[in-house]
Amino acid sequence: MRVTNAPASRKRRTRMIRAAKGFRMRRSKLYRYASDAVDHGRQYAYRDRRTKKRNFRALWQIRINAAARAAGVTYSRFMEGLKAAKVALDRKVLADLAAQDNAAFGELVKIAQQALKTKAAVKA
């Protein structure tokens, strides 16, 4: 006698069809097409969760660089100065300060420049 495992198979297929809700035409109605569409969509989602982190970090760097150059220092020198001054702010917060609070960012630039001077004095 052939065993079909019907309840489990039906549950698996129903779950896939529900996951395809919002897809167009047969991709939301028929199991074979829904399965392909959902699998493809999940691959894109997995990939793009990582890409999103990359894109945001690049955006923050651009914003910090623009504000730092307006204050007369490059991005790399600014970050080096912050590291030397042991300022533990991440790029997300720095970019927000650069966009929203110009005075606070200016203070950070001064702190970074001062740390770079002391670093150079210690080396010499």
Protein backbone atom coordinates (compact mmCIF):
# COMPACT_ATOMS: atom_id res chain seq x y z
CA MET A 1 0.00 0.00 0.00
CA ARG A 2 1.27 3.47 -0.92
CA VAL A 3 1.58 5.93 1.97
CA THR A 4 1.09 9.59 0.97
CA ASN A 5 1.74 11.35 4.29
CA ALA A 6 -1.23 13.51 3.28
CA PRO A 7 -1.76 15.74 6.36
CA ALA A 8 1.90 16.73 6.60
CA SER A 9 2.21 17.26 2.82
CA ARG A 10 -0.93 19.38 2.75
CA LYS A 11 0.26 21.44 5.71
CA ARG A 12 3.63 22.02 4.04
CA ARG A 13 1.99 23.08 0.79
CA THR A 14 -0.53 25.33 2.55
CA ARG A 15 2.28 27.01 4.45
CA MET A 16 4.08 27.72 1.17
CA ILE A 17 0.94 29.12 -0.47
CA ARG A 18 0.37 31.40 2.55
CA ALA A 19 3.97 32.61 2.31
CA ALA A 20 3.29 33.58 -1.31
CA LYS A 21 0.41 35.88 -0.34
CA GLY A 22 0.61 39.09 -2.32
CA PHE A 23 2.40 37.53 -5.27
CA ARG A 24 0.68 37.87 -8.62
CA MET A 25 -1.21 35.29 -10.67
CA ARG A 26 -0.21 31.63 -10.42
CA ARG A 27 2.73 32.44 -8.10
CA SER A 28 0.20 32.90 -5.28
CA LYS A 29 -2.20 30.10 -6.24
CA LEU A 30 -0.26 27.05 -7.43
CA TYR A 31 2.20 25.23 -5.19
CA ARG A 32 4.93 24.63 -7.77
CA TYR A 33 5.14 28.29 -8.79
CA ALA A 34 4.60 29.60 -5.28
CA SER A 35 7.43 27.43 -3.98
CA ASP A 36 9.87 28.76 -6.58
CA ALA A 37 8.79 32.36 -5.97
CA VAL A 38 9.04 32.12 -2.17
CA ASP A 39 12.43 30.40 -2.31
CA HIS A 40 13.74 33.05 -4.67
CA GLY A 41 12.32 35.83 -2.50
CA ARG A 42 13.93 34.38 0.62
CA GLN A 43 17.31 34.22 -1.12
CA TYR A 44 17.01 37.90 -2.04
CA ALA A 45 15.95 38.77 1.51
CA TYR A 46 18.94 36.92 3.01
CA ARG A 47 21.37 38.60 0.60
CA ASP A 48 19.90 42.06 1.00
CA ARG A 49 19.91 41.98 4.81
CA ARG A 50 23.68 41.94 4.48
CA THR A 51 23.76 44.47 1.63
CA LYS A 52 21.70 46.88 3.73
CA LYS A 53 24.39 46.99 6.42
CA ARG A 54 27.00 47.74 3.75
CA ASN A 55 24.90 50.51 2.18
CA PHE A 56 24.16 52.23 5.48
CA ARG A 57 27.81 52.19 6.56
CA ALA A 58 28.76 53.80 3.23
CA LEU A 59 26.05 56.45 3.66
CA TRP A 60 27.25 57.26 7.19
CA GLN A 61 30.83 57.58 5.95
CA ILE A 62 29.73 59.99 3.21
CA ARG A 63 27.82 62.16 5.69
CA ILE A 64 30.66 62.21 8.21
CA ASN A 65 33.18 63.04 5.48
CA ALA A 66 31.06 65.94 4.18
CA ALA A 67 30.69 67.46 7.65
CA ALA A 68 34.35 66.86 8.53
CA ARG A 69 35.58 68.51 5.33
CA ALA A 70 33.31 71.48 6.03
CA ALA A 71 35.11 71.73 9.38
CA GLY A 72 38.50 71.52 7.65
CA VAL A 73 39.60 67.91 8.20
CA THR A 74 39.33 64.75 6.09
CA TYR A 75 37.30 61.70 7.09
CA SER A 76 40.31 59.48 7.71
CA ARG A 77 42.12 62.07 9.85
CA PHE A 78 38.92 62.77 11.77
CA MET A 79 38.37 59.08 12.53
CA GLU A 80 42.04 58.65 13.45
CA GLY A 81 41.74 61.57 15.85
CA LEU A 82 38.60 60.18 17.47
CA LYS A 83 40.32 56.82 17.93
CA ALA A 84 43.36 58.52 19.47
CA ALA A 85 41.07 60.51 21.79
CA LYS A 86 39.28 57.27 22.75
CA VAL A 87 35.89 58.64 21.66
CA ALA A 88 33.65 55.57 21.42
CA LEU A 89 30.93 56.83 19.06
CA ASP A 90 29.99 54.65 16.11
CA ARG A 91 29.51 55.94 12.58
CA LYS A 92 25.72 55.87 12.85
CA VAL A 93 25.75 58.32 15.77
CA LEU A 94 28.47 60.46 14.19
CA ALA A 95 26.48 60.73 10.94
CA ASP A 96 23.38 61.73 12.89
CA LEU A 97 25.35 64.42 14.73
CA ALA A 98 26.85 65.62 11.45
CA ALA A 99 23.38 66.01 9.93
CA GLN A 100 21.46 67.31 12.97
CA ASP A 101 23.79 68.98 15.49
CA ASN A 102 26.54 71.02 13.85
CA ALA A 103 27.86 72.45 17.13
CA ALA A 104 28.36 69.04 18.74
CA PHE A 105 30.07 67.74 15.62
CA GLY A 106 32.35 70.79 15.65
CA GLU A 107 33.37 69.93 19.22
CA LEU A 108 34.17 66.39 18.14
CA VAL A 109 36.34 67.77 15.33
CA LYS A 110 38.24 69.89 17.87
CA ILE A 111 38.71 66.88 20.15
CA ALA A 112 39.98 64.82 17.20
CA GLN A 113 42.41 67.52 16.09
CA GLN A 114 43.72 67.95 19.62
CA ALA A 115 44.27 64.19 19.92
CA LEU A 116 46.14 64.18 16.60
CA LYS A 117 48.43 66.96 17.86
CA THR A 118 49.24 65.11 21.07
CA LYS A 119 49.78 61.90 19.07
CA ALA A 120 52.25 63.71 16.80
CA ALA A 121 54.01 65.29 19.81
CA VAL A 122 54.44 61.89 21.47
CA LYS A 123 55.91 60.43 18.25
CA ALA A 124 58.42 63.29 17.83
